[in-house]
Amino acid sequence: AIILVHGSNASLHTWEPLVKRLGATYRIVTLDLPGHG
């Protein structure tokens, strides 16, 4: 499992390109931090 954390004023959508490329091997969890997304 990989948990990925976005930057300021971004959202979990920023990680979708990596989900497409790494998802076959890894379980990828993304989240919108408090005050975001």
All heavy atoms as atom14 arrays in JSON, in Angstrom:
{
  "sequence": "AIILVHGSNASLHTWEPLVKRLGATYRIVTLDLPGHG",
  "atom14_mask": [
    [1, 1, 1, 1, 1, 0, 0, 0, 0, 0, 0, 0, 0, 0],
    [1, 1, 1, 1, 1, 1, 1, 1, 0, 0, 0, 0, 0, 0],
    [1, 1, 1, 1, 1, 1, 1, 1, 0, 0, 0, 0, 0, 0],
    [1, 1, 1, 1, 1, 1, 1, 1, 0, 0, 0, 0, 0, 0],
    [1, 1, 1, 1, 1, 1, 1, 0, 0, 0, 0, 0, 0, 0],
    [1, 1, 1, 1, 1, 1, 1, 1, 1, 1, 0, 0, 0, 0],
    [1, 1, 1, 1, 0, 0, 0, 0, 0, 0, 0, 0, 0, 0],
    [1, 1, 1, 1, 1, 1, 0, 0, 0, 0, 0, 0, 0, 0],
    [1, 1, 1, 1, 1, 1, 1, 1, 0, 0, 0, 0, 0, 0],
    [1, 1, 1, 1, 1, 0, 0, 0, 0, 0, 0, 0, 0, 0],
    [1, 1, 1, 1, 1, 1, 0, 0, 0, 0, 0, 0, 0, 0],
    [1, 1, 1, 1, 1, 1, 1, 1, 0, 0, 0, 0, 0, 0],
    [1, 1, 1, 1, 1, 1, 1, 1, 1, 1, 0, 0, 0, 0],
    [1, 1, 1, 1, 1, 1, 1, 0, 0, 0, 0, 0, 0, 0],
    [1, 1, 1, 1, 1, 1, 1, 1, 1, 1, 1, 1, 1, 1],
    [1, 1, 1, 1, 1, 1, 1, 1, 1, 0, 0, 0, 0, 0],
    [1, 1, 1, 1, 1, 1, 1, 0, 0, 0, 0, 0, 0, 0],
    [1, 1, 1, 1, 1, 1, 1, 1, 0, 0, 0, 0, 0, 0],
    [1, 1, 1, 1, 1, 1, 1, 0, 0, 0, 0, 0, 0, 0],
    [1, 1, 1, 1, 1, 1, 1, 1, 1, 0, 0, 0, 0, 0],
    [1, 1, 1, 1, 1, 1, 1, 1, 1, 1, 1, 0, 0, 0],
    [1, 1, 1, 1, 1, 1, 1, 1, 0, 0, 0, 0, 0, 0],
    [1, 1, 1, 1, 0, 0, 0, 0, 0, 0, 0, 0, 0, 0],
    [1, 1, 1, 1, 1, 0, 0, 0, 0, 0, 0, 0, 0, 0],
    [1, 1, 1, 1, 1, 1, 1, 0, 0, 0, 0, 0, 0, 0],
    [1, 1, 1, 1, 1, 1, 1, 1, 1, 1, 1, 1, 0, 0],
    [1, 1, 1, 1, 1, 1, 1, 1, 1, 1, 1, 0, 0, 0],
    [1, 1, 1, 1, 1, 1, 1, 1, 0, 0, 0, 0, 0, 0],
    [1, 1, 1, 1, 1, 1, 1, 0, 0, 0, 0, 0, 0, 0],
    [1, 1, 1, 1, 1, 1, 1, 0, 0, 0, 0, 0, 0, 0],
    [1, 1, 1, 1, 1, 1, 1, 1, 0, 0, 0, 0, 0, 0],
    [1, 1, 1, 1, 1, 1, 1, 1, 0, 0, 0, 0, 0, 0],
    [1, 1, 1, 1, 1, 1, 1, 1, 0, 0, 0, 0, 0, 0],
    [1, 1, 1, 1, 1, 1, 1, 0, 0, 0, 0, 0, 0, 0],
    [1, 1, 1, 1, 0, 0, 0, 0, 0, 0, 0, 0, 0, 0],
    [1, 1, 1, 1, 1, 1, 1, 1, 1, 1, 0, 0, 0, 0],
    [1, 1, 1, 1, 0, 0, 0, 0, 0, 0, 0, 0, 0, 0]
  ],
  "atom14_positions": [
    [[0.83, -1.21, 0.0], [0.0, 0.0, 0.0], [0.87, 1.26, 0.0], [1.85, 1.36, 0.74], [-0.92, 0.0, 1.22], [0.0, 0.0, 0.0], [0.0, 0.0, 0.0], [0.0, 0.0, 0.0], [0.0, 0.0, 0.0], [0.0, 0.0, 0.0], [0.0, 0.0, 0.0], [0.0, 0.0, 0.0], [0.0, 0.0, 0.0], [0.0, 0.0, 0.0]],
    [[0.48, 2.2, -0.84], [1.11, 3.53, -0.87], [0.03, 4.56, -0.56], [-1.01, 4.58, -1.22], [1.72, 3.85, -2.25], [2.71, 2.79, -2.7], [2.38, 5.23, -2.23], [3.28, 3.03, -4.09], [0.0, 0.0, 0.0], [0.0, 0.0, 0.0], [0.0, 0.0, 0.0], [0.0, 0.0, 0.0], [0.0, 0.0, 0.0], [0.0, 0.0, 0.0]],
    [[0.27, 5.4, 0.43], [-0.62, 6.53, 0.7], [0.08, 7.79, 0.18], [1.22, 8.07, 0.55], [-0.93, 6.67, 2.2], [-1.71, 5.44, 2.7], [-1.74, 7.94, 2.46], [-2.08, 5.49, 4.17], [0.0, 0.0, 0.0], [0.0, 0.0, 0.0], [0.0, 0.0, 0.0], [0.0, 0.0, 0.0], [0.0, 0.0, 0.0], [0.0, 0.0, 0.0]],
    [[-0.62, 8.52, -0.69], [-0.05, 9.71, -1.31], [-0.78, 10.96, -0.85], [-2.03, 10.99, -0.81], [-0.12, 9.59, -2.83], [0.74, 8.47, -3.44], [0.46, 8.32, -4.94], [2.22, 8.73, -3.19], [0.0, 0.0, 0.0], [0.0, 0.0, 0.0], [0.0, 0.0, 0.0], [0.0, 0.0, 0.0], [0.0, 0.0, 0.0], [0.0, 0.0, 0.0]],
    [[-0.02, 11.99, -0.5], [-0.56, 13.2, 0.12], [-0.24, 14.42, -0.76], [0.93, 14.71, -1.03], [0.04, 13.4, 1.53], [-0.67, 14.52, 2.26], [-0.04, 12.1, 2.35], [0.0, 0.0, 0.0], [0.0, 0.0, 0.0], [0.0, 0.0, 0.0], [0.0, 0.0, 0.0], [0.0, 0.0, 0.0], [0.0, 0.0, 0.0], [0.0, 0.0, 0.0]],
    [[-1.27, 15.12, -1.18], [-1.11, 16.26, -2.09], [-0.59, 17.5, -1.39], [-0.49, 17.56, -0.17], [-2.45, 16.57, -2.77], [-3.51, 17.0, -1.8], [-3.54, 18.26, -1.22], [-4.59, 16.35, -1.28], [-4.57, 18.37, -0.42], [-5.23, 17.21, -0.42], [0.0, 0.0, 0.0], [0.0, 0.0, 0.0], [0.0, 0.0, 0.0], [0.0, 0.0, 0.0]],
    [[-0.31, 18.53, -2.19], [0.22, 19.78, -1.66], [-0.86, 20.82, -1.39], [-2.06, 20.57, -1.54], [0.0, 0.0, 0.0], [0.0, 0.0, 0.0], [0.0, 0.0, 0.0], [0.0, 0.0, 0.0], [0.0, 0.0, 0.0], [0.0, 0.0, 0.0], [0.0, 0.0, 0.0], [0.0, 0.0, 0.0], [0.0, 0.0, 0.0], [0.0, 0.0, 0.0]],
    [[-0.43, 22.0, -1.0], [-1.34, 23.08, -0.63], [-2.21, 23.5, -1.8], [-1.72, 23.73, -2.91], [-0.53, 24.28, -0.13], [-1.37, 25.31, 0.29], [0.0, 0.0, 0.0], [0.0, 0.0, 0.0], [0.0, 0.0, 0.0], [0.0, 0.0, 0.0], [0.0, 0.0, 0.0], [0.0, 0.0, 0.0], [0.0, 0.0, 0.0], [0.0, 0.0, 0.0]],
    [[-3.52, 23.59, -1.54], [-4.53, 24.0, -2.52], [-4.69, 23.04, -3.68], [-5.3, 23.38, -4.7], [-4.26, 25.42, -3.04], [-4.39, 26.46, -1.95], [-5.17, 26.3, -1.02], [-3.61, 27.52, -2.04], [0.0, 0.0, 0.0], [0.0, 0.0, 0.0], [0.0, 0.0, 0.0], [0.0, 0.0, 0.0], [0.0, 0.0, 0.0], [0.0, 0.0, 0.0]],
    [[-4.15, 21.84, -3.55], [-4.35, 20.8, -4.55], [-5.4, 19.82, -4.02], [-6.13, 20.11, -3.07], [-3.03, 20.1, -4.86], [0.0, 0.0, 0.0], [0.0, 0.0, 0.0], [0.0, 0.0, 0.0], [0.0, 0.0, 0.0], [0.0, 0.0, 0.0], [0.0, 0.0, 0.0], [0.0, 0.0, 0.0], [0.0, 0.0, 0.0], [0.0, 0.0, 0.0]],
    [[-5.46, 18.65, -4.62], [-6.44, 17.64, -4.22], [-5.88, 16.27, -4.61], [-4.82, 16.16, -5.24], [-7.78, 17.87, -4.92], [-7.65, 17.69, -6.32], [0.0, 0.0, 0.0], [0.0, 0.0, 0.0], [0.0, 0.0, 0.0], [0.0, 0.0, 0.0], [0.0, 0.0, 0.0], [0.0, 0.0, 0.0], [0.0, 0.0, 0.0], [0.0, 0.0, 0.0]],
    [[-6.61, 15.23, -4.26], [-6.13, 13.88, -4.57], [-6.03, 13.64, -6.07], [-5.34, 12.71, -6.53], [-7.02, 12.83, -3.9], [-8.54, 12.8, -4.15], [-8.92, 12.33, -5.54], [-9.21, 11.9, -3.11], [0.0, 0.0, 0.0], [0.0, 0.0, 0.0], [0.0, 0.0, 0.0], [0.0, 0.0, 0.0], [0.0, 0.0, 0.0], [0.0, 0.0, 0.0]],
    [[-6.69, 14.48, -6.87], [-6.64, 14.3, -8.33], [-5.24, 14.43, -8.89], [-4.95, 13.89, -9.96], [-7.56, 15.32, -9.0], [-9.0, 15.21, -8.59], [-9.49, 15.8, -7.44], [-10.05, 14.56, -9.15], [-10.78, 15.53, -7.33], [-11.15, 14.78, -8.34], [0.0, 0.0, 0.0], [0.0, 0.0, 0.0], [0.0, 0.0, 0.0], [0.0, 0.0, 0.0]],
    [[-4.38, 15.13, -8.18], [-3.02, 15.33, -8.68], [-2.25, 14.02, -8.82], [-1.27, 13.94, -9.56], [-2.25, 16.3, -7.75], [-1.09, 16.79, -8.41], [-1.83, 15.63, -6.44], [0.0, 0.0, 0.0], [0.0, 0.0, 0.0], [0.0, 0.0, 0.0], [0.0, 0.0, 0.0], [0.0, 0.0, 0.0], [0.0, 0.0, 0.0], [0.0, 0.0, 0.0]],
    [[-2.72, 12.96, -8.11], [-2.03, 11.67, -8.13], [-2.57, 10.7, -9.18], [-1.99, 9.61, -9.35], [-2.12, 11.02, -6.75], [-1.49, 11.82, -5.66], [-2.12, 12.44, -4.62], [-0.09, 12.11, -5.5], [-1.21, 13.09, -3.82], [0.04, 12.91, -4.33], [1.06, 11.76, -6.21], [1.27, 13.37, -3.88], [2.29, 12.23, -5.77], [2.38, 13.02, -4.61]],
    [[-3.63, 11.05, -9.87], [-4.23, 10.1, -10.81], [-3.26, 9.61, -11.89], [-3.3, 8.43, -12.26], [-5.48, 10.71, -11.44], [-6.67, 10.77, -10.49], [-7.07, 9.4, -9.96], [-7.36, 8.5, -10.77], [-7.08, 9.23, -8.72], [0.0, 0.0, 0.0], [0.0, 0.0, 0.0], [0.0, 0.0, 0.0], [0.0, 0.0, 0.0], [0.0, 0.0, 0.0]],
    [[-2.35, 10.46, -12.4], [-1.38, 9.92, -13.38], [-0.52, 8.81, -12.8], [-0.16, 7.86, -13.53], [-0.54, 11.15, -13.75], [-1.45, 12.32, -13.51], [-2.24, 11.94, -12.28], [0.0, 0.0, 0.0], [0.0, 0.0, 0.0], [0.0, 0.0, 0.0], [0.0, 0.0, 0.0], [0.0, 0.0, 0.0], [0.0, 0.0, 0.0], [0.0, 0.0, 0.0]],
    [[-0.16, 8.88, -11.51], [0.64, 7.81, -10.91], [-0.2, 6.58, -10.62], [0.29, 5.45, -10.69], [1.31, 8.3, -9.62], [2.39, 9.36, -9.75], [3.16, 9.51, -8.44], [3.35, 9.06, -10.89], [0.0, 0.0, 0.0], [0.0, 0.0, 0.0], [0.0, 0.0, 0.0], [0.0, 0.0, 0.0], [0.0, 0.0, 0.0], [0.0, 0.0, 0.0]],
    [[-1.47, 6.79, -10.27], [-2.36, 5.64, -10.05], [-2.42, 4.79, -11.32], [-2.35, 3.56, -11.26], [-3.78, 6.11, -9.65], [-4.75, 4.93, -9.59], [-3.74, 6.84, -8.31], [0.0, 0.0, 0.0], [0.0, 0.0, 0.0], [0.0, 0.0, 0.0], [0.0, 0.0, 0.0], [0.0, 0.0, 0.0], [0.0, 0.0, 0.0], [0.0, 0.0, 0.0]],
    [[-2.53, 5.45, -12.47], [-2.6, 4.72, -13.74], [-1.32, 3.96, -14.04], [-1.35, 2.88, -14.64], [-2.88, 5.7, -14.88], [-4.26, 6.35, -14.81], [-4.44, 7.36, -15.93], [-5.8, 8.04, -15.83], [-5.98, 9.08, -16.88], [0.0, 0.0, 0.0], [0.0, 0.0, 0.0], [0.0, 0.0, 0.0], [0.0, 0.0, 0.0], [0.0, 0.0, 0.0]],
    [[-0.19, 4.48, -13.6], [1.1, 3.89, -13.94], [1.61, 2.89, -12.9], [2.42, 2.03, -13.23], [2.12, 5.0, -14.17], [1.85, 5.78, -15.46], [2.53, 7.14, -15.47], [2.35, 7.82, -16.76], [1.25, 8.48, -17.11], [0.24, 8.57, -16.27], [1.17, 9.05, -18.29], [0.0, 0.0, 0.0], [0.0, 0.0, 0.0], [0.0, 0.0, 0.0]],
    [[1.2, 3.04, -11.66], [1.7, 2.16, -10.59], [0.63, 1.24, -10.02], [0.94, 0.35, -9.23], [2.28, 3.02, -9.46], [3.49, 3.88, -9.8], [3.85, 4.79, -8.63], [4.69, 3.01, -10.17], [0.0, 0.0, 0.0], [0.0, 0.0, 0.0], [0.0, 0.0, 0.0], [0.0, 0.0, 0.0], [0.0, 0.0, 0.0], [0.0, 0.0, 0.0]],
    [[-0.62, 1.45, -10.42], [-1.72, 0.72, -9.82], [-1.73, -0.77, -10.08], [-2.33, -1.53, -9.32], [0.0, 0.0, 0.0], [0.0, 0.0, 0.0], [0.0, 0.0, 0.0], [0.0, 0.0, 0.0], [0.0, 0.0, 0.0], [0.0, 0.0, 0.0], [0.0, 0.0, 0.0], [0.0, 0.0, 0.0], [0.0, 0.0, 0.0], [0.0, 0.0, 0.0]],
    [[-1.08, -1.21, -11.13], [-1.06, -2.65, -11.4], [-0.22, -3.4, -10.36], [-0.45, -4.6, -10.11], [-0.5, -2.91, -12.8], [0.0, 0.0, 0.0], [0.0, 0.0, 0.0], [0.0, 0.0, 0.0], [0.0, 0.0, 0.0], [0.0, 0.0, 0.0], [0.0, 0.0, 0.0], [0.0, 0.0, 0.0], [0.0, 0.0, 0.0], [0.0, 0.0, 0.0]],
    [[0.73, -2.71, -9.75], [1.62, -3.35, -8.78], [1.27, -2.97, -7.35], [1.38, -3.81, -6.45], [3.08, -2.93, -9.07], [3.41, -3.29, -10.42], [4.04, -3.61, -8.1], [0.0, 0.0, 0.0], [0.0, 0.0, 0.0], [0.0, 0.0, 0.0], [0.0, 0.0, 0.0], [0.0, 0.0, 0.0], [0.0, 0.0, 0.0], [0.0, 0.0, 0.0]],
    [[0.85, -1.73, -7.13], [0.66, -1.22, -5.77], [-0.8, -0.85, -5.51], [-1.54, -0.47, -6.41], [1.54, 0.02, -5.55], [3.01, -0.27, -5.67], [3.68, -0.06, -6.88], [3.73, -0.78, -4.6], [5.03, -0.33, -7.0], [5.08, -1.05, -4.71], [5.73, -0.84, -5.91], [7.07, -1.13, -6.04], [0.0, 0.0, 0.0], [0.0, 0.0, 0.0]],
    [[-1.18, -0.99, -4.26], [-2.45, -0.45, -3.81], [-2.22, 1.01, -3.48], [-1.38, 1.34, -2.63], [-2.92, -1.2, -2.56], [-4.25, -0.72, -1.99], [-4.63, -1.51, -0.76], [-5.95, -1.15, -0.28], [-6.55, -1.73, 0.76], [-5.92, -2.69, 1.44], [-7.76, -1.34, 1.14], [0.0, 0.0, 0.0], [0.0, 0.0, 0.0], [0.0, 0.0, 0.0]],
    [[-2.93, 1.9, -4.13], [-2.66, 3.33, -3.99], [-3.85, 4.03, -3.36], [-4.95, 4.04, -3.9], [-2.28, 3.96, -5.34], [-1.07, 3.24, -5.93], [-1.99, 5.46, -5.15], [-0.59, 3.79, -7.23], [0.0, 0.0, 0.0], [0.0, 0.0, 0.0], [0.0, 0.0, 0.0], [0.0, 0.0, 0.0], [0.0, 0.0, 0.0], [0.0, 0.0, 0.0]],
    [[-3.6, 4.62, -2.21], [-4.63, 5.33, -1.46], [-4.3, 6.82, -1.51], [-3.17, 7.24, -1.21], [-4.67, 4.86, 0.01], [-5.69, 5.67, 0.81], [-4.98, 3.36, 0.07], [0.0, 0.0, 0.0], [0.0, 0.0, 0.0], [0.0, 0.0, 0.0], [0.0, 0.0, 0.0], [0.0, 0.0, 0.0], [0.0, 0.0, 0.0], [0.0, 0.0, 0.0]],
    [[-5.28, 7.61, -1.91], [-5.11, 9.07, -1.94], [-6.24, 9.7, -1.14], [-7.31, 9.12, -0.98], [-5.12, 9.61, -3.38], [-6.34, 9.2, -4.03], [-3.94, 9.06, -4.17], [0.0, 0.0, 0.0], [0.0, 0.0, 0.0], [0.0, 0.0, 0.0], [0.0, 0.0, 0.0], [0.0, 0.0, 0.0], [0.0, 0.0, 0.0], [0.0, 0.0, 0.0]],
    [[-6.0, 10.9, -0.62], [-7.02, 11.58, 0.17], [-6.94, 13.08, -0.02], [-5.89, 13.61, -0.38], [-6.86, 11.24, 1.66], [-5.6, 11.75, 2.37], [-5.9, 12.06, 3.84], [-4.48, 10.7, 2.3], [0.0, 0.0, 0.0], [0.0, 0.0, 0.0], [0.0, 0.0, 0.0], [0.0, 0.0, 0.0], [0.0, 0.0, 0.0], [0.0, 0.0, 0.0]],
    [[-8.07, 13.73, 0.2], [-8.11, 15.19, 0.26], [-7.87, 15.6, 1.71], [-8.67, 15.26, 2.6], [-9.46, 15.73, -0.21], [-9.64, 15.65, -1.72], [-8.63, 15.63, -2.43], [-10.81, 15.63, -2.17], [0.0, 0.0, 0.0], [0.0, 0.0, 0.0], [0.0, 0.0, 0.0], [0.0, 0.0, 0.0], [0.0, 0.0, 0.0], [0.0, 0.0, 0.0]],
    [[-6.79, 16.31, 1.94], [-6.47, 16.75, 3.3], [-7.53, 17.72, 3.83], [-8.28, 18.32, 3.05], [-5.11, 17.43, 3.31], [-3.89, 16.54, 3.05], [-2.64, 17.39, 2.88], [-3.7, 15.52, 4.17], [0.0, 0.0, 0.0], [0.0, 0.0, 0.0], [0.0, 0.0, 0.0], [0.0, 0.0, 0.0], [0.0, 0.0, 0.0], [0.0, 0.0, 0.0]],
    [[-7.62, 17.88, 5.14], [-8.54, 18.88, 5.7], [-8.33, 20.25, 5.08], [-7.2, 20.7, 4.91], [-8.17, 18.88, 7.19], [-7.68, 17.49, 7.45], [-6.93, 17.12, 6.2], [0.0, 0.0, 0.0], [0.0, 0.0, 0.0], [0.0, 0.0, 0.0], [0.0, 0.0, 0.0], [0.0, 0.0, 0.0], [0.0, 0.0, 0.0], [0.0, 0.0, 0.0]],
    [[-9.44, 20.9, 4.71], [-9.35, 22.21, 4.07], [-9.01, 22.15, 2.61], [-8.63, 23.16, 2.02], [0.0, 0.0, 0.0], [0.0, 0.0, 0.0], [0.0, 0.0, 0.0], [0.0, 0.0, 0.0], [0.0, 0.0, 0.0], [0.0, 0.0, 0.0], [0.0, 0.0, 0.0], [0.0, 0.0, 0.0], [0.0, 0.0, 0.0], [0.0, 0.0, 0.0]],
    [[-9.17, 20.99, 1.99], [-8.82, 20.8, 0.58], [-9.86, 19.92, -0.11], [-10.53, 19.11, 0.54], [-7.45, 20.13, 0.44], [-6.3, 20.96, 0.88], [-5.94, 21.09, 2.2], [-5.41, 21.72, 0.19], [-4.88, 21.88, 2.3], [-4.55, 22.28, 1.09], [0.0, 0.0, 0.0], [0.0, 0.0, 0.0], [0.0, 0.0, 0.0], [0.0, 0.0, 0.0]],
    [[-9.89, 20.06, -1.44], [-10.69, 19.15, -2.25], [-12.11, 19.03, -1.75], [-12.76, 19.99, -1.34], [0.0, 0.0, 0.0], [0.0, 0.0, 0.0], [0.0, 0.0, 0.0], [0.0, 0.0, 0.0], [0.0, 0.0, 0.0], [0.0, 0.0, 0.0], [0.0, 0.0, 0.0], [0.0, 0.0, 0.0], [0.0, 0.0, 0.0], [0.0, 0.0, 0.0]]
  ]
}
